[in-house]
PDB file of N, CA and C in Angstrom:
ATOM      1  N   UNK A   1      41.950 -35.281  38.272  1.00  0.00           N
ATOM      2  CA  UNK A   1      40.573 -36.095  39.037  1.00  0.00           C
ATOM      3  C   UNK A   1      39.961 -36.455  38.271  1.00  0.00           C
ATOM      4  N   UNK A   2      39.702 -37.598  37.813  1.00  0.00           N
ATOM      5  CA  UNK A   2      38.737 -38.926  37.220  1.00  0.00           C
ATOM      6  C   UNK A   2      37.318 -39.144  37.891  1.00  0.00           C
ATOM      7  N   UNK A   3      36.649 -38.916  36.720  1.00  0.00           N
ATOM      8  CA  UNK A   3      35.107 -39.233  37.485  1.00  0.00           C
ATOM      9  C   UNK A   3      34.776 -40.681  37.384  1.00  0.00           C
ATOM     10  N   UNK A   4      34.438 -40.860  38.203  1.00  0.00           N
ATOM     11  CA  UNK A   4      33.337 -42.474  38.497  1.00  0.00           C
ATOM     12  C   UNK A   4      32.526 -42.725  37.872  1.00  0.00           C
ATOM     13  N   UNK A   5      32.057 -44.342  37.534  1.00  0.00           N
ATOM     14  CA  UNK A   5      31.170 -44.048  36.134  1.00  0.00           C
ATOM     15  C   UNK A   5      29.492 -43.907  36.931  1.00  0.00           C
ATOM     16  N   UNK A   6      29.940 -43.904  38.322  1.00  0.00           N
ATOM     17  CA  UNK A   6      28.500 -43.194  39.092  1.00  0.00           C
ATOM     18  C   UNK A   6      28.445 -41.703  38.939  1.00  0.00           C
ATOM     19  N   UNK A   7      29.827 -41.204  39.018  1.00  0.00           N
ATOM     20  CA  UNK A   7      29.643 -39.398  38.900  1.00  0.00           C
ATOM     21  C   UNK A   7      29.258 -39.448  37.405  1.00  0.00           C
ATOM     22  N   UNK A   8      29.471 -40.179  36.641  1.00  0.00           N
ATOM     23  CA  UNK A   8      29.431 -40.078  35.129  1.00  0.00           C
ATOM     24  C   UNK A   8      28.071 -39.922  34.707  1.00  0.00           C
ATOM     25  N   UNK A   9      27.610 -41.069  35.444  1.00  0.00           N
ATOM     26  CA  UNK A   9      25.804 -41.329  35.535  1.00  0.00           C
ATOM     27  C   UNK A   9      25.038 -40.499  36.264  1.00  0.00           C
ATOM     28  N   UNK A  10      25.453 -39.582  37.350  1.00  0.00           N
ATOM     29  CA  UNK A  10      24.759 -38.626  37.837  1.00  0.00           C
ATOM     30  C   UNK A  10      24.443 -37.774  36.827  1.00  0.00           C
ATOM     31  N   UNK A  11      25.811 -37.011  36.424  1.00  0.00           N
ATOM     32  CA  UNK A  11      25.757 -36.168  35.290  1.00  0.00           C
ATOM     33  C   UNK A  11      24.886 -36.529  34.039  1.00  0.00           C
ATOM     34  N   UNK A  12      25.203 -37.709  33.380  1.00  0.00           N
ATOM     35  CA  UNK A  12      24.155 -38.217  32.715  1.00  0.00           C
ATOM     36  C   UNK A  12      22.076 -37.648  32.755  1.00  0.00           C
ATOM     37  N   UNK A  13      22.042 -38.323  33.905  1.00  0.00           N
ATOM     38  CA  UNK A  13      20.682 -38.061  34.301  1.00  0.00           C
ATOM     39  C   UNK A  13      20.241 -37.027  34.763  1.00  0.00           C
ATOM     40  N   UNK A  14      21.618 -36.062  35.343  1.00  0.00           N
ATOM     41  CA  UNK A  14      21.154 -34.792  35.411  1.00  0.00           C
ATOM     42  C   UNK A  14      20.854 -33.689  34.079  1.00  0.00           C
ATOM     43  N   UNK A  15      21.368 -34.318  33.351  1.00  0.00           N
ATOM     44  CA  UNK A  15      21.177 -33.396  31.522  1.00  0.00           C
ATOM     45  C   UNK A  15      20.004 -34.102  31.065  1.00  0.00           C
ATOM     46  N   UNK A  16      19.979 -35.135  31.514  1.00  0.00           N
ATOM     47  CA  UNK A  16      18.139 -36.081  30.744  1.00  0.00           C
ATOM     48  C   UNK A  16      17.322 -35.403  31.675  1.00  0.00           C
ATOM     49  N   UNK A  17      17.548 -35.259  32.724  1.00  0.00           N
ATOM     50  CA  UNK A  17      16.160 -34.780  33.432  1.00  0.00           C
ATOM     51  C   UNK A  17      16.211 -33.088  33.102  1.00  0.00           C
ATOM     52  N   UNK A  18      17.198 -32.377  32.938  1.00  0.00           N
ATOM     53  CA  UNK A  18      17.013 -30.875  32.745  1.00  0.00           C
ATOM     54  C   UNK A  18      16.352 -30.808  31.063  1.00  0.00           C
ATOM     55  N   UNK A  19      16.551 -31.770  30.298  1.00  0.00           N
ATOM     56  CA  UNK A  19      16.304 -31.906  29.020  1.00  0.00           C
ATOM     57  C   UNK A  19      15.336 -31.983  28.773  1.00  0.00           C
ATOM     58  N   UNK A  20      14.634 -32.575  29.582  1.00  0.00           N
ATOM     59  CA  UNK A  20      13.007 -33.553  29.787  1.00  0.00           C
ATOM     60  C   UNK A  20      12.039 -32.268  30.428  1.00  0.00           C
ATOM     61  N   UNK A  21      12.824 -31.411  31.493  1.00  0.00           N
ATOM     62  CA  UNK A  21      12.305 -30.675  32.585  1.00  0.00           C
ATOM     63  C   UNK A  21      11.907 -29.490  31.284  1.00  0.00           C
ATOM     64  N   UNK A  22      12.579 -29.211  29.975  1.00  0.00           N
ATOM     65  CA  UNK A  22      12.899 -27.593  29.031  1.00  0.00           C
ATOM     66  C   UNK A  22      13.704 -26.764  30.050  1.00  0.00           C
ATOM     67  N   UNK A  23      14.979 -27.590  30.730  1.00  0.00           N
ATOM     68  CA  UNK A  23      15.634 -26.325  31.350  1.00  0.00           C
ATOM     69  C   UNK A  23      16.953 -26.315  30.242  1.00  0.00           C
ATOM     70  N   UNK A  24      16.773 -26.364  29.063  1.00  0.00           N
ATOM     71  CA  UNK A  24      18.258 -26.554  27.768  1.00  0.00           C
ATOM     72  C   UNK A  24      18.123 -25.167  27.226  1.00  0.00           C
ATOM     73  N   UNK A  25      19.045 -24.182  27.483  1.00  0.00           N
ATOM     74  CA  UNK A  25      19.429 -23.483  26.432  1.00  0.00           C
ATOM     75  C   UNK A  25      19.010 -23.442  25.177  1.00  0.00           C
ATOM     76  N   UNK A  26      18.598 -24.351  24.138  1.00  0.00           N
ATOM     77  CA  UNK A  26      17.759 -24.442  23.179  1.00  0.00           C
ATOM     78  C   UNK A  26      18.464 -23.485  21.944  1.00  0.00           C
ATOM     79  N   UNK A  27      20.019 -23.654  22.213  1.00  0.00           N
ATOM     80  CA  UNK A  27      20.638 -22.836  21.186  1.00  0.00           C
ATOM     81  C   UNK A  27      20.518 -20.936  21.051  1.00  0.00           C
ATOM     82  N   UNK A  28      20.227 -20.689  22.352  1.00  0.00           N
ATOM     83  CA  UNK A  28      20.099 -19.345  22.787  1.00  0.00           C
ATOM     84  C   UNK A  28      21.566 -19.188  22.994  1.00  0.00           C
ATOM     85  N   UNK A  29      22.207 -17.780  22.254  1.00  0.00           N
ATOM     86  CA  UNK A  29      23.053 -17.243  22.299  1.00  0.00           C
ATOM     87  C   UNK A  29      22.785 -16.631  24.609  1.00  0.00           C
ATOM     88  N   UNK A  30      24.007 -16.227  24.694  1.00  0.00           N
ATOM     89  CA  UNK A  30      23.540 -15.918  26.381  1.00  0.00           C
ATOM     90  C   UNK A  30      22.910 -14.574  26.359  1.00  0.00           C
ATOM     91  N   UNK A  31      23.227 -13.401  25.233  1.00  0.00           N
ATOM     92  CA  UNK A  31      22.353 -12.417  25.381  1.00  0.00           C
ATOM     93  C   UNK A  31      21.087 -12.871  24.978  1.00  0.00           C
ATOM     94  N   UNK A  32      20.702 -13.646  24.353  1.00  0.00           N
ATOM     95  CA  UNK A  32      19.124 -14.056  24.340  1.00  0.00           C
ATOM     96  C   UNK A  32      18.842 -14.777  25.409  1.00  0.00           C
ATOM     97  N   UNK A  33      19.748 -15.401  25.966  1.00  0.00           N
ATOM     98  CA  UNK A  33      18.594 -15.807  27.208  1.00  0.00           C
ATOM     99  C   UNK A  33      18.539 -15.401  28.109  1.00  0.00           C
ATOM    100  N   UNK A  34      19.313 -14.059  28.636  1.00  0.00           N
ATOM    101  CA  UNK A  34      18.988 -12.881  29.345  1.00  0.00           C
ATOM    102  C   UNK A  34      18.273 -12.174  29.103  1.00  0.00           C
ATOM    103  N   UNK A  35      17.469 -12.592  27.805  1.00  0.00           N
ATOM    104  CA  UNK A  35      16.160 -11.217  27.816  1.00  0.00           C
ATOM    105  C   UNK A  35      15.349 -12.608  27.644  1.00  0.00           C
ATOM    106  N   UNK A  36      14.821 -13.718  27.948  1.00  0.00           N
ATOM    107  CA  UNK A  36      14.146 -14.686  27.946  1.00  0.00           C
ATOM    108  C   UNK A  36      12.891 -14.208  29.198  1.00  0.00           C
ATOM    109  N   UNK A  37      13.566 -13.709  30.247  1.00  0.00           N
ATOM    110  CA  UNK A  37      12.291 -13.063  31.500  1.00  0.00           C
ATOM    111  C   UNK A  37      11.516 -12.104  30.705  1.00  0.00           C
ATOM    112  N   UNK A  38      12.460 -10.998  30.031  1.00  0.00           N
ATOM    113  CA  UNK A  38      11.820  -9.897  29.466  1.00  0.00           C
ATOM    114  C   UNK A  38      10.690  -9.731  28.762  1.00  0.00           C
ATOM    115  N   UNK A  39      10.881 -10.612  27.722  1.00  0.00           N
ATOM    116  CA  UNK A  39      10.187 -11.098  26.822  1.00  0.00           C
ATOM    117  C   UNK A  39       8.699 -12.088  27.779  1.00  0.00           C
ATOM    118  N   UNK A  40       8.972 -12.843  28.248  1.00  0.00           N
ATOM    119  CA  UNK A  40       7.722 -13.958  28.738  1.00  0.00           C
ATOM    120  C   UNK A  40       7.449 -12.596  30.139  1.00  0.00           C
ATOM    121  N   UNK A  41       8.251 -11.839  30.856  1.00  0.00           N
ATOM    122  CA  UNK A  41       7.428 -10.954  31.528  1.00  0.00           C
ATOM    123  C   UNK A  41       6.201  -9.924  30.465  1.00  0.00           C
ATOM    124  N   UNK A  42       6.657  -9.708  29.393  1.00  0.00           N
ATOM    125  CA  UNK A  42       5.746  -9.154  28.426  1.00  0.00           C
ATOM    126  C   UNK A  42       4.899  -9.842  28.340  1.00  0.00           C
ATOM    127  N   UNK A  43       4.821 -11.053  27.873  1.00  0.00           N
ATOM    128  CA  UNK A  43       3.612 -12.023  27.725  1.00  0.00           C
ATOM    129  C   UNK A  43       3.041 -12.382  28.984  1.00  0.00           C
ATOM    130  N   UNK A  44       3.115 -12.237  29.955  1.00  0.00           N
ATOM    131  CA  UNK A  44       2.268 -12.464  31.052  1.00  0.00           C
ATOM    132  C   UNK A  44       1.709 -11.246  31.411  1.00  0.00           C
ATOM    133  N   UNK A  45       2.192  -9.639  31.161  1.00  0.00           N
ATOM    134  CA  UNK A  45       1.573  -8.491  31.225  1.00  0.00           C
ATOM    135  C   UNK A  45       0.589  -8.335  30.619  1.00  0.00           C
ATOM    136  N   UNK A  46       0.651  -9.122  29.182  1.00  0.00           N
ATOM    137  CA  UNK A  46      -0.480  -8.894  28.176  1.00  0.00           C
ATOM    138  C   UNK A  46      -1.763  -9.413  28.506  1.00  0.00           C
ATOM    139  N   UNK A  47      -1.433 -10.890  29.111  1.00  0.00           N
ATOM    140  CA  UNK A  47      -2.502 -11.432  29.690  1.00  0.00           C
ATOM    141  C   UNK A  47      -3.065 -11.427  31.164  1.00  0.00           C
ATOM    142  N   UNK A  48      -2.598 -10.367  31.953  1.00  0.00           N
ATOM    143  CA  UNK A  48      -2.776  -9.343  33.045  1.00  0.00           C
ATOM    144  C   UNK A  48      -2.193 -10.756  33.782  1.00  0.00           C
ATOM    145  N   UNK A  49      -1.676 -11.233  33.997  1.00  0.00           N
ATOM    146  CA  UNK A  49      -0.756 -12.175  35.121  1.00  0.00           C
ATOM    147  C   UNK A  49      -1.006 -13.633  34.560  1.00  0.00           C
ATOM    148  N   UNK A  50      -1.614 -14.102  33.199  1.00  0.00           N
ATOM    149  CA  UNK A  50      -1.553 -14.843  32.811  1.00  0.00           C
ATOM    150  C   UNK A  50      -0.789 -15.926  31.447  1.00  0.00           C
ATOM    151  N   UNK A  51       0.057 -16.458  31.346  1.00  0.00           N
ATOM    152  CA  UNK A  51       0.799 -16.845  29.762  1.00  0.00           C
ATOM    153  C   UNK A  51      -0.104 -17.083  28.948  1.00  0.00           C
ATOM    154  N   UNK A  52      -0.752 -18.013  28.861  1.00  0.00           N
ATOM    155  CA  UNK A  52      -1.563 -18.565  27.840  1.00  0.00           C
ATOM    156  C   UNK A  52      -2.468 -17.406  27.555  1.00  0.00           C
ATOM    157  N   UNK A  53      -2.911 -15.897  28.410  1.00  0.00           N
ATOM    158  CA  UNK A  53      -4.278 -15.605  27.955  1.00  0.00           C
ATOM    159  C   UNK A  53      -2.781 -14.335  26.899  1.00  0.00           C
ATOM    160  N   UNK A  54      -2.060 -14.162  27.348  1.00  0.00           N
ATOM    161  CA  UNK A  54      -0.885 -12.916  26.825  1.00  0.00           C
ATOM    162  C   UNK A  54      -0.470 -13.371  25.398  1.00  0.00           C
ATOM    163  N   UNK A  55      -0.192 -15.094  25.479  1.00  0.00           N
ATOM    164  CA  UNK A  55       0.051 -15.525  23.737  1.00  0.00           C
ATOM    165  C   UNK A  55      -1.365 -15.511  23.042  1.00  0.00           C
ATOM    166  N   UNK A  56      -2.169 -15.320  23.433  1.00  0.00           N
ATOM    167  CA  UNK A  56      -3.263 -15.006  22.503  1.00  0.00           C
ATOM    168  C   UNK A  56      -3.784 -13.936  22.750  1.00  0.00           C
ATOM    169  N   UNK A  57      -3.443 -12.791  23.324  1.00  0.00           N
ATOM    170  CA  UNK A  57      -3.456 -11.377  22.928  1.00  0.00           C
ATOM    171  C   UNK A  57      -2.462 -11.169  21.478  1.00  0.00           C
ATOM    172  N   UNK A  58      -1.574 -11.584  21.838  1.00  0.00           N
ATOM    173  CA  UNK A  58      -0.522 -11.829  21.029  1.00  0.00           C
ATOM    174  C   UNK A  58      -0.824 -12.434  19.696  1.00  0.00           C
ATOM    175  N   UNK A  59      -1.551 -13.515  19.757  1.00  0.00           N
ATOM    176  CA  UNK A  59      -1.525 -13.933  18.653  1.00  0.00           C
ATOM    177  C   UNK A  59      -2.980 -12.610  17.650  1.00  0.00           C
ATOM    178  N   UNK A  60      -3.648 -12.494  18.824  1.00  0.00           N
ATOM    179  CA  UNK A  60      -4.782 -11.526  17.714  1.00  0.00           C
ATOM    180  C   UNK A  60      -4.182 -10.255  17.890  1.00  0.00           C
ATOM    181  N   UNK A  61      -3.289  -9.883  18.146  1.00  0.00           N
ATOM    182  CA  UNK A  61      -2.456  -8.512  17.601  1.00  0.00           C
ATOM    183  C   UNK A  61      -1.722  -8.890  16.057  1.00  0.00           C
ATOM    184  N   UNK A  62      -1.474 -10.086  16.190  1.00  0.00           N
ATOM    185  CA  UNK A  62      -0.377  -9.986  15.028  1.00  0.00           C
ATOM    186  C   UNK A  62      -1.564 -10.333  13.851  1.00  0.00           C
ATOM    187  N   UNK A  63      -2.511 -11.225  14.222  1.00  0.00           N
ATOM    188  CA  UNK A  63      -3.572 -11.405  13.006  1.00  0.00           C
ATOM    189  C   UNK A  63      -4.348  -9.830  12.272  1.00  0.00           C
ATOM    190  N   UNK A  64      -4.200  -8.959  13.572  1.00  0.00           N
ATOM    191  CA  UNK A  64      -4.569  -7.701  12.950  1.00  0.00           C
ATOM    192  C   UNK A  64      -3.708  -6.815  12.134  1.00  0.00           C
ATOM    193  N   UNK A  65      -2.646  -7.141  12.455  1.00  0.00           N
ATOM    194  CA  UNK A  65      -1.509  -6.071  11.778  1.00  0.00           C
ATOM    195  C   UNK A  65      -1.057  -6.801  10.705  1.00  0.00           C
ATOM    196  N   UNK A  66      -1.621  -7.951  10.527  1.00  0.00           N
ATOM    197  CA  UNK A  66      -1.307  -8.741   9.267  1.00  0.00           C
ATOM    198  C   UNK A  66      -2.363  -8.468   8.610  1.00  0.00           C
ATOM    199  N   UNK A  67      -3.412  -8.488   8.536  1.00  0.00           N
ATOM    200  CA  UNK A  67      -4.785  -7.771   7.953  1.00  0.00           C
ATOM    201  C   UNK A  67      -4.411  -6.518   7.413  1.00  0.00           C
ATOM    202  N   UNK A  68      -3.917  -5.290   8.357  1.00  0.00           N
ATOM    203  CA  UNK A  68      -4.014  -3.897   8.221  1.00  0.00           C
ATOM    204  C   UNK A  68      -2.774  -4.148   7.478  1.00  0.00           C
ATOM    205  N   UNK A  69      -1.592  -4.624   7.406  1.00  0.00           N
ATOM    206  CA  UNK A  69      -0.632  -4.846   6.241  1.00  0.00           C
ATOM    207  C   UNK A  69      -1.154  -5.134   4.872  1.00  0.00           C
ATOM    208  N   UNK A  70      -2.043  -5.965   4.856  1.00  0.00           N
ATOM    209  CA  UNK A  70      -2.783  -6.728   3.619  1.00  0.00           C
ATOM    210  C   UNK A  70      -3.237  -5.690   2.909  1.00  0.00           C
ATOM    211  N   UNK A  71      -4.101  -5.092   3.552  1.00  0.00           N
ATOM    212  CA  UNK A  71      -5.060  -3.865   3.165  1.00  0.00           C
ATOM    213  C   UNK A  71      -4.263  -2.829   2.672  1.00  0.00           C
ATOM    214  N   UNK A  72      -3.756  -2.360   3.282  1.00  0.00           N
ATOM    215  CA  UNK A  72      -2.304  -1.425   2.996  1.00  0.00           C
ATOM    216  C   UNK A  72      -1.677  -1.695   1.342  1.00  0.00           C
ATOM    217  N   UNK A  73      -1.079  -3.062   1.340  1.00  0.00           N
ATOM    218  CA  UNK A  73      -0.473  -3.442  -0.094  1.00  0.00           C
ATOM    219  C   UNK A  73      -1.683  -3.039  -0.869  1.00  0.00           C
ATOM    220  N   UNK A  74      -2.825  -3.682  -1.032  1.00  0.00           N
ATOM    221  CA  UNK A  74      -3.538  -3.438  -1.512  1.00  0.00           C
ATOM    222  C   UNK A  74      -4.373  -2.193  -2.094  1.00  0.00           C
ATOM    223  N   UNK A  75      -4.457  -1.436  -1.052  1.00  0.00           N
ATOM    224  CA  UNK A  75      -4.548   0.219  -1.393  1.00  0.00           C
ATOM    225  C   UNK A  75      -3.183   0.446  -2.268  1.00  0.00           C
ATOM    226  N   UNK A  76      -2.398   0.582  -1.884  1.00  0.00           N
ATOM    227  CA  UNK A  76      -1.309   1.203  -2.547  1.00  0.00           C
ATOM    228  C   UNK A  76      -0.999   0.414  -3.568  1.00  0.00           C
ATOM    229  N   UNK A  77      -1.518  -0.744  -4.189  1.00  0.00           N
ATOM    230  CA  UNK A  77      -1.489  -1.299  -5.611  1.00  0.00           C
ATOM    231  C   UNK A  77      -2.224  -0.434  -6.294  1.00  0.00           C
ATOM    232  N   UNK A  78      -3.664  -0.091  -5.991  1.00  0.00           N
ATOM    233  CA  UNK A  78      -4.970   0.495  -6.318  1.00  0.00           C
ATOM    234  C   UNK A  78      -4.402   1.776  -6.842  1.00  0.00           C
ATOM    235  N   UNK A  79      -3.476   2.520  -5.935  1.00  0.00           N
ATOM    236  CA  UNK A  79      -3.282   4.138  -6.097  1.00  0.00           C
ATOM    237  C   UNK A  79      -2.400   4.394  -7.073  1.00  0.00           C
ATOM    238  N   UNK A  80      -1.169   3.049  -6.872  1.00  0.00           N
ATOM    239  CA  UNK A  80      -0.234   3.143  -7.946  1.00  0.00           C
ATOM    240  C   UNK A  80      -0.910   2.837  -9.537  1.00  0.00           C
ATOM    241  N   UNK A  81      -2.012   1.980  -9.717  1.00  0.00           N
ATOM    242  CA  UNK A  81      -2.686   1.410 -10.765  1.00  0.00           C
ATOM    243  C   UNK A  81      -3.579   2.811 -10.997  1.00  0.00           C
ATOM    244  N   UNK A  82      -4.157   3.584 -10.210  1.00  0.00           N
ATOM    245  CA  UNK A  82      -5.453   4.818 -10.200  1.00  0.00           C
ATOM    246  C   UNK A  82      -4.184   6.020 -11.311  1.00  0.00           C
ATOM    247  N   UNK A  83      -2.616   6.375 -10.878  1.00  0.00           N
ATOM    248  CA  UNK A  83      -2.303   7.289 -11.084  1.00  0.00           C
ATOM    249  C   UNK A  83      -1.385   6.779 -12.947  1.00  0.00           C
ATOM    250  N   UNK A  84      -1.369   5.500 -12.662  1.00  0.00           N
ATOM    251  CA  UNK A  84      -1.153   5.114 -14.081  1.00  0.00           C
ATOM    252  C   UNK A  84      -2.096   5.376 -15.120  1.00  0.00           C
ATOM    253  N   UNK A  85      -2.847   4.649 -14.657  1.00  0.00           N
ATOM    254  CA  UNK A  85      -3.937   4.736 -15.619  1.00  0.00           C
ATOM    255  C   UNK A  85      -4.809   6.599 -15.902  1.00  0.00           C
ATOM    256  N   UNK A  86      -4.797   7.248 -15.225  1.00  0.00           N
ATOM    257  CA  UNK A  86      -4.826   8.683 -14.894  1.00  0.00           C
ATOM    258  C   UNK A  86      -3.699   9.359 -15.844  1.00  0.00           C
ATOM    259  N   UNK A  87      -2.635   9.263 -15.756  1.00  0.00           N
ATOM    260  CA  UNK A  87      -1.736   9.714 -16.542  1.00  0.00           C
ATOM    261  C   UNK A  87      -1.528   9.419 -17.968  1.00  0.00           C
ATOM    262  N   UNK A  88      -1.513   7.610 -18.077  1.00  0.00           N
ATOM    263  CA  UNK A  88      -1.652   7.584 -19.858  1.00  0.00           C
ATOM    264  C   UNK A  88      -3.084   7.856 -20.096  1.00  0.00           C
ATOM    265  N   UNK A  89      -4.115   8.183 -19.438  1.00  0.00           N
ATOM    266  CA  UNK A  89      -5.409   8.562 -20.231  1.00  0.00           C
ATOM    267  C   UNK A  89      -5.218  10.013 -20.348  1.00  0.00           C
ATOM    268  N   UNK A  90      -4.556  10.773 -19.653  1.00  0.00           N
ATOM    269  CA  UNK A  90      -4.061  11.882 -20.053  1.00  0.00           C
ATOM    270  C   UNK A  90      -3.367  12.158 -21.027  1.00  0.00           C
ATOM    271  N   UNK A  91      -2.179  11.627 -21.122  1.00  0.00           N
ATOM    272  CA  UNK A  91      -0.960  11.390 -22.539  1.00  0.00           C
ATOM    273  C   UNK A  91      -2.175  11.384 -23.854  1.00  0.00           C
ATOM    274  N   UNK A  92      -2.657  10.247 -23.504  1.00  0.00           N
ATOM    275  CA  UNK A  92      -3.312   9.474 -24.310  1.00  0.00           C
ATOM    276  C   UNK A  92      -4.502  10.521 -24.950  1.00  0.00           C
ATOM    277  N   UNK A  93      -5.303  11.325 -23.961  1.00  0.00           N
ATOM    278  CA  UNK A  93      -6.467  12.555 -24.701  1.00  0.00           C
ATOM    279  C   UNK A  93      -5.607  13.634 -25.287  1.00  0.00           C
ATOM    280  N   UNK A  94      -4.370  14.123 -24.678  1.00  0.00           N
ATOM    281  CA  UNK A  94      -3.459  14.793 -25.182  1.00  0.00           C
ATOM    282  C   UNK A  94      -3.268  14.955 -27.215  1.00  0.00           C
ATOM    283  N   UNK A  95      -2.619  13.687 -26.796  1.00  0.00           N
ATOM    284  CA  UNK A  95      -2.060  13.320 -28.356  1.00  0.00           C
ATOM    285  C   UNK A  95      -3.400  13.060 -29.126  1.00  0.00           C
ATOM    286  N   UNK A  96      -4.349  12.601 -28.645  1.00  0.00           N
ATOM    287  CA  UNK A  96      -5.700  12.479 -29.430  1.00  0.00           C
ATOM    288  C   UNK A  96      -6.368  13.984 -29.870  1.00  0.00           C
ATOM    289  N   UNK A  97      -5.997  14.661 -29.169  1.00  0.00           N
ATOM    290  CA  UNK A  97      -6.536  16.309 -29.538  1.00  0.00           C
ATOM    291  C   UNK A  97      -5.544  16.695 -30.227  1.00  0.00           C
ATOM    292  N   UNK A  98      -4.577  16.966 -29.846  1.00  0.00           N
ATOM    293  CA  UNK A  98      -3.752  17.165 -31.272  1.00  0.00           C
ATOM    294  C   UNK A  98      -3.551  16.531 -32.681  1.00  0.00           C
ATOM    295  N   UNK A  99      -3.986  15.090 -32.627  1.00  0.00           N
ATOM    296  CA  UNK A  99      -3.986  14.513 -33.647  1.00  0.00           C
ATOM    297  C   UNK A  99      -5.239  15.223 -34.490  1.00  0.00           C
ATOM    298  N   UNK A 100      -6.426  15.488 -33.630  1.00  0.00           N
ATOM    299  CA  UNK A 100      -7.534  15.607 -33.962  1.00  0.00           C
ATOM    300  C   UNK A 100      -7.593  17.540 -35.153  1.00  0.00           C
ATOM    301  N   UNK A 101      -6.664  18.169 -33.982  1.00  0.00           N
ATOM    302  CA  UNK A 101      -6.300  19.309 -34.608  1.00  0.00           C
ATOM    303  C   UNK A 101      -5.562  19.718 -36.060  1.00  0.00           C
ATOM    304  N   UNK A 102      -4.745  18.614 -35.667  1.00  0.00           N
ATOM    305  CA  UNK A 102      -3.709  18.155 -36.879  1.00  0.00           C
ATOM    306  C   UNK A 102      -4.778  18.356 -38.558  1.00  0.00           C
ATOM    307  N   UNK A 103      -5.702  16.835 -38.216  1.00  0.00           N
ATOM    308  CA  UNK A 103      -6.294  16.571 -39.464  1.00  0.00           C
ATOM    309  C   UNK A 103      -7.414  17.593 -39.606  1.00  0.00           C
ATOM    310  N   UNK A 104      -7.795  18.501 -38.978  1.00  0.00           N
ATOM    311  CA  UNK A 104      -9.168  19.479 -38.999  1.00  0.00           C
ATOM    312  C   UNK A 104      -8.222  20.440 -40.082  1.00  0.00           C
ATOM    313  N   UNK A 105      -7.010  20.958 -39.470  1.00  0.00           N
ATOM    314  CA  UNK A 105      -6.341  22.012 -40.479  1.00  0.00           C
ATOM    315  C   UNK A 105      -5.727  21.613 -41.771  1.00  0.00           C
TER     316      UNK A 105
END
């Protein structure tokens, strides 16, 4: 069964209208598309029924955790530097004491 030109135009218009309305799959797999209602529901819950407010809550949470991560990285580097300086200082001090004792004998 062949489609008429009118049928083909109807299909083109329907697809264009769907894409314009945002009803396209946007490259998501069927599994990902199936999870979108769950994801949007989570956003709506965060915003107490308001999607926009939920997105803002998510943004604030991401900013907070980004800051926590940044501080954690800085603290981790400070701890490693402290341990390294302490270790080298102790070893250097022991060597100095050993040399000092050897010279004094």
